[in-house]
Amino acid sequence: MNVITLDASAWKTLDDFYDALLSALGAPDWHGRSGVALIDTMLHSDVNKVVPPYRVEVRNSVDLPSEVKCHIVDVVDLFHEVRTRRRERGADVDVSIVLV
């Protein structure tokens, strides 16, 4: 499995998170900046340059501003929810975002 490692030690804003993640995924310029937009493109193989299966590891997140950390946790939770529902239908895609 491909592992994409992001270093969050210098992130101060949500834009820092999305700039790093979307760049690492090879996302198009028009890509949205929300958990829903990430779900829409990360679980499919026809938008980003990086295709499933892969895991995004966000490292050095301990000192993130609470707004940024809470948003990332919400995105992680959303991925878990969506993948659980997809798995129940037999349509899961092995893609995840984790804080390590």
N, C-alpha and C. Protein backbone atom coordinates (compact mmCIF):
# COMPACT_ATOMS: atom_id res chain seq x y z
N MET A 1 0.84 -1.18 0.00
CA MET A 1 0.00 0.00 0.00
C MET A 1 0.89 1.24 0.00
N ASN A 2 0.47 2.22 -0.77
CA ASN A 2 1.16 3.50 -0.82
C ASN A 2 0.84 4.29 0.44
N VAL A 3 1.87 4.84 1.10
CA VAL A 3 1.67 5.67 2.27
C VAL A 3 2.15 7.08 1.94
N ILE A 4 1.26 8.04 2.13
CA ILE A 4 1.57 9.44 1.90
C ILE A 4 1.74 10.08 3.27
N THR A 5 2.92 10.60 3.54
CA THR A 5 3.21 11.19 4.84
C THR A 5 3.20 12.71 4.73
N LEU A 6 2.39 13.33 5.59
CA LEU A 6 2.31 14.78 5.65
C LEU A 6 2.84 15.25 7.00
N ASP A 7 3.70 16.27 6.99
CA ASP A 7 4.26 16.83 8.21
C ASP A 7 3.46 18.08 8.59
N ALA A 8 2.69 17.98 9.67
CA ALA A 8 1.80 19.07 10.09
C ALA A 8 2.46 20.06 11.04
N SER A 9 3.74 19.91 11.30
CA SER A 9 4.38 20.73 12.33
C SER A 9 4.32 22.23 12.06
N ALA A 10 4.22 22.66 10.83
CA ALA A 10 4.19 24.09 10.51
C ALA A 10 2.79 24.59 10.13
N TRP A 11 1.79 23.72 10.16
CA TRP A 11 0.45 24.12 9.76
C TRP A 11 -0.18 25.04 10.81
N LYS A 12 -0.80 26.09 10.33
CA LYS A 12 -1.50 27.03 11.21
C LYS A 12 -2.97 27.18 10.83
N THR A 13 -3.32 26.85 9.59
CA THR A 13 -4.67 27.08 9.08
C THR A 13 -5.18 25.83 8.36
N LEU A 14 -6.47 25.82 8.10
CA LEU A 14 -7.05 24.75 7.29
C LEU A 14 -6.47 24.74 5.89
N ASP A 15 -6.18 25.92 5.37
CA ASP A 15 -5.56 25.97 4.04
C ASP A 15 -4.22 25.24 4.01
N ASP A 16 -3.45 25.31 5.11
CA ASP A 16 -2.18 24.58 5.16
C ASP A 16 -2.42 23.08 5.02
N PHE A 17 -3.44 22.57 5.71
CA PHE A 17 -3.80 21.16 5.60
C PHE A 17 -4.18 20.80 4.18
N TYR A 18 -5.10 21.56 3.60
CA TYR A 18 -5.57 21.26 2.26
C TYR A 18 -4.48 21.47 1.21
N ASP A 19 -3.67 22.50 1.36
CA ASP A 19 -2.56 22.70 0.41
C ASP A 19 -1.64 21.48 0.40
N ALA A 20 -1.27 21.00 1.58
CA ALA A 20 -0.36 19.85 1.67
C ALA A 20 -1.01 18.58 1.13
N LEU A 21 -2.23 18.32 1.56
CA LEU A 21 -2.90 17.08 1.16
C LEU A 21 -3.20 17.06 -0.33
N LEU A 22 -3.79 18.12 -0.84
CA LEU A 22 -4.17 18.13 -2.25
C LEU A 22 -2.94 18.09 -3.15
N SER A 23 -1.87 18.74 -2.74
CA SER A 23 -0.63 18.67 -3.52
C SER A 23 -0.08 17.24 -3.53
N ALA A 24 -0.07 16.58 -2.36
CA ALA A 24 0.44 15.21 -2.27
C ALA A 24 -0.40 14.23 -3.08
N LEU A 25 -1.70 14.52 -3.21
CA LEU A 25 -2.59 13.64 -3.98
C LEU A 25 -2.54 13.93 -5.48
N GLY A 26 -1.92 15.04 -5.85
CA GLY A 26 -1.96 15.43 -7.25
C GLY A 26 -3.36 15.81 -7.67
N ALA A 27 -4.06 16.51 -6.79
CA ALA A 27 -5.44 16.91 -7.05
C ALA A 27 -5.48 18.05 -8.06
N PRO A 28 -6.56 18.14 -8.82
CA PRO A 28 -6.70 19.25 -9.77
C PRO A 28 -6.92 20.58 -9.04
N ASP A 29 -6.62 21.67 -9.72
CA ASP A 29 -6.74 23.01 -9.13
C ASP A 29 -8.15 23.31 -8.64
N TRP A 30 -9.15 22.73 -9.26
CA TRP A 30 -10.54 23.03 -8.91
C TRP A 30 -11.05 22.23 -7.71
N HIS A 31 -10.21 21.40 -7.12
CA HIS A 31 -10.65 20.51 -6.03
C HIS A 31 -11.20 21.32 -4.85
N GLY A 32 -12.31 20.88 -4.31
CA GLY A 32 -12.91 21.52 -3.15
C GLY A 32 -12.11 21.27 -1.88
N ARG A 33 -12.39 22.09 -0.88
CA ARG A 33 -11.67 22.02 0.39
C ARG A 33 -12.65 21.69 1.51
N SER A 34 -13.06 20.43 1.52
CA SER A 34 -13.95 19.93 2.56
C SER A 34 -13.78 18.42 2.64
N GLY A 35 -14.27 17.85 3.75
CA GLY A 35 -14.23 16.40 3.88
C GLY A 35 -15.04 15.70 2.80
N VAL A 36 -16.18 16.27 2.45
CA VAL A 36 -17.02 15.68 1.41
C VAL A 36 -16.29 15.67 0.07
N ALA A 37 -15.62 16.77 -0.25
CA ALA A 37 -14.87 16.83 -1.51
C ALA A 37 -13.75 15.79 -1.52
N LEU A 38 -13.10 15.60 -0.38
CA LEU A 38 -12.05 14.59 -0.30
C LEU A 38 -12.62 13.19 -0.52
N ILE A 39 -13.74 12.91 0.13
CA ILE A 39 -14.39 11.61 -0.06
C ILE A 39 -14.70 11.39 -1.54
N ASP A 40 -15.27 12.41 -2.17
CA ASP A 40 -15.66 12.30 -3.58
C ASP A 40 -14.50 11.93 -4.48
N THR A 41 -13.32 12.44 -4.19
CA THR A 41 -12.20 12.19 -5.11
C THR A 41 -11.24 11.10 -4.64
N MET A 42 -11.06 10.97 -3.33
CA MET A 42 -10.10 9.99 -2.84
C MET A 42 -10.60 8.56 -3.00
N LEU A 43 -11.90 8.36 -2.99
CA LEU A 43 -12.45 7.01 -3.12
C LEU A 43 -12.67 6.61 -4.58
N HIS A 44 -12.23 7.44 -5.49
CA HIS A 44 -12.34 7.15 -6.92
C HIS A 44 -10.95 7.27 -7.55
N SER A 45 -10.75 6.67 -8.66
CA SER A 45 -9.42 6.65 -9.26
C SER A 45 -9.31 7.53 -10.50
N ASP A 46 -10.27 8.43 -10.70
CA ASP A 46 -10.25 9.18 -11.95
C ASP A 46 -10.11 10.69 -11.78
N VAL A 47 -9.75 11.16 -10.58
CA VAL A 47 -9.62 12.60 -10.36
C VAL A 47 -8.20 12.98 -9.96
N ASN A 48 -7.71 12.39 -8.88
CA ASN A 48 -6.36 12.70 -8.39
C ASN A 48 -5.33 11.84 -9.10
N LYS A 49 -4.09 12.29 -9.09
CA LYS A 49 -3.02 11.50 -9.70
C LYS A 49 -2.70 10.25 -8.88
N VAL A 50 -2.82 10.36 -7.56
CA VAL A 50 -2.62 9.19 -6.69
C VAL A 50 -3.93 8.42 -6.65
N VAL A 51 -3.85 7.13 -6.89
CA VAL A 51 -5.06 6.30 -6.94
C VAL A 51 -5.01 5.25 -5.83
N PRO A 52 -6.18 4.80 -5.37
CA PRO A 52 -6.25 3.78 -4.32
C PRO A 52 -5.57 2.49 -4.76
N PRO A 53 -5.08 1.75 -3.78
CA PRO A 53 -5.16 1.93 -2.33
C PRO A 53 -4.02 2.80 -1.80
N TYR A 54 -4.32 3.58 -0.77
CA TYR A 54 -3.30 4.37 -0.09
C TYR A 54 -3.80 4.85 1.26
N ARG A 55 -2.84 5.24 2.09
CA ARG A 55 -3.13 5.79 3.40
C ARG A 55 -2.39 7.11 3.53
N VAL A 56 -3.07 8.13 4.02
CA VAL A 56 -2.45 9.43 4.29
C VAL A 56 -2.18 9.49 5.79
N GLU A 57 -0.92 9.66 6.16
CA GLU A 57 -0.54 9.78 7.56
C GLU A 57 -0.17 11.23 7.84
N VAL A 58 -0.89 11.84 8.77
CA VAL A 58 -0.59 13.21 9.19
C VAL A 58 0.25 13.11 10.46
N ARG A 59 1.50 13.51 10.36
CA ARG A 59 2.44 13.43 11.48
C ARG A 59 2.67 14.81 12.10
N ASN A 60 3.13 14.80 13.33
CA ASN A 60 3.49 16.02 14.06
C ASN A 60 2.30 16.96 14.22
N SER A 61 1.17 16.38 14.61
CA SER A 61 -0.05 17.17 14.73
C SER A 61 -0.34 17.64 16.15
N VAL A 62 0.51 17.30 17.08
CA VAL A 62 0.24 17.58 18.49
C VAL A 62 0.04 19.07 18.78
N ASP A 63 0.74 19.95 18.08
CA ASP A 63 0.65 21.39 18.34
C ASP A 63 -0.22 22.14 17.35
N LEU A 64 -1.04 21.43 16.59
CA LEU A 64 -1.92 22.10 15.64
C LEU A 64 -2.92 22.99 16.37
N PRO A 65 -3.29 24.12 15.77
CA PRO A 65 -4.39 24.90 16.33
C PRO A 65 -5.63 24.02 16.43
N SER A 66 -6.44 24.23 17.46
CA SER A 66 -7.58 23.34 17.70
C SER A 66 -8.54 23.29 16.52
N GLU A 67 -8.76 24.41 15.83
CA GLU A 67 -9.66 24.42 14.68
C GLU A 67 -9.17 23.46 13.60
N VAL A 68 -7.87 23.47 13.35
CA VAL A 68 -7.30 22.62 12.30
C VAL A 68 -7.36 21.16 12.74
N LYS A 69 -6.96 20.88 13.97
CA LYS A 69 -6.96 19.50 14.45
C LYS A 69 -8.38 18.93 14.48
N CYS A 70 -9.34 19.71 14.95
CA CYS A 70 -10.74 19.26 15.00
C CYS A 70 -11.26 18.96 13.60
N HIS A 71 -10.89 19.80 12.63
CA HIS A 71 -11.34 19.57 11.26
C HIS A 71 -10.76 18.27 10.71
N ILE A 72 -9.48 18.04 10.95
CA ILE A 72 -8.86 16.81 10.47
C ILE A 72 -9.51 15.60 11.12
N VAL A 73 -9.78 15.67 12.42
CA VAL A 73 -10.46 14.57 13.11
C VAL A 73 -11.84 14.34 12.51
N ASP A 74 -12.55 15.41 12.19
CA ASP A 74 -13.86 15.27 11.54
C ASP A 74 -13.73 14.58 10.18
N VAL A 75 -12.69 14.92 9.42
CA VAL A 75 -12.47 14.28 8.12
C VAL A 75 -12.15 12.80 8.31
N VAL A 76 -11.30 12.48 9.29
CA VAL A 76 -10.97 11.08 9.58
C VAL A 76 -12.25 10.31 9.94
N ASP A 77 -13.09 10.90 10.79
CA ASP A 77 -14.34 10.25 11.19
C ASP A 77 -15.28 10.06 9.99
N LEU A 78 -15.35 11.06 9.12
CA LEU A 78 -16.19 10.95 7.93
C LEU A 78 -15.72 9.81 7.04
N PHE A 79 -14.42 9.70 6.84
CA PHE A 79 -13.88 8.59 6.04
C PHE A 79 -14.28 7.26 6.66
N HIS A 80 -14.18 7.15 7.98
CA HIS A 80 -14.54 5.90 8.65
C HIS A 80 -16.02 5.57 8.41
N GLU A 81 -16.88 6.56 8.57
CA GLU A 81 -18.32 6.35 8.34
C GLU A 81 -18.62 5.89 6.92
N VAL A 82 -18.06 6.61 5.96
CA VAL A 82 -18.34 6.30 4.55
C VAL A 82 -17.80 4.93 4.19
N ARG A 83 -16.59 4.63 4.63
CA ARG A 83 -16.02 3.32 4.30
C ARG A 83 -16.80 2.19 4.95
N THR A 84 -17.32 2.41 6.16
CA THR A 84 -18.13 1.39 6.82
C THR A 84 -19.38 1.10 6.00
N ARG A 85 -20.06 2.15 5.55
CA ARG A 85 -21.26 1.95 4.72
C ARG A 85 -20.91 1.28 3.40
N ARG A 86 -19.81 1.67 2.79
CA ARG A 86 -19.40 1.06 1.52
C ARG A 86 -19.06 -0.41 1.72
N ARG A 87 -18.40 -0.71 2.82
CA ARG A 87 -18.02 -2.09 3.11
C ARG A 87 -19.26 -2.96 3.24
N GLU A 88 -20.30 -2.44 3.88
CA GLU A 88 -21.56 -3.18 4.04
C GLU A 88 -22.19 -3.51 2.69
N ARG A 89 -21.95 -2.65 1.69
CA ARG A 89 -22.50 -2.88 0.34
C ARG A 89 -21.51 -3.62 -0.56
N GLY A 90 -20.34 -3.94 -0.02
CA GLY A 90 -19.34 -4.64 -0.82
C GLY A 90 -18.61 -3.75 -1.80
N ALA A 91 -18.57 -2.44 -1.51
CA ALA A 91 -17.95 -1.49 -2.44
C ALA A 91 -16.87 -0.66 -1.78
N ASP A 92 -16.19 -1.20 -0.77
CA ASP A 92 -15.18 -0.44 -0.05
C ASP A 92 -13.95 -0.18 -0.92
N VAL A 93 -13.29 0.94 -0.66
CA VAL A 93 -12.04 1.30 -1.31
C VAL A 93 -11.04 1.56 -0.20
N ASP A 94 -9.85 0.96 -0.29
CA ASP A 94 -8.86 1.05 0.77
C ASP A 94 -8.10 2.38 0.69
N VAL A 95 -8.71 3.40 1.29
CA VAL A 95 -8.13 4.74 1.37
C VAL A 95 -8.44 5.26 2.76
N SER A 96 -7.44 5.86 3.41
CA SER A 96 -7.69 6.41 4.74
C SER A 96 -6.79 7.60 5.03
N ILE A 97 -7.21 8.38 6.01
CA ILE A 97 -6.41 9.46 6.56
C ILE A 97 -6.31 9.18 8.06
N VAL A 98 -5.09 9.23 8.59
CA VAL A 98 -4.89 8.97 10.01
C VAL A 98 -3.96 10.00 10.61
N LEU A 99 -4.20 10.32 11.87
CA LEU A 99 -3.26 11.13 12.65
C LEU A 99 -2.33 10.18 13.37
N VAL A 100 -1.03 10.33 13.18
CA VAL A 100 -0.06 9.45 13.85
C VAL A 100 0.92 10.27 14.65
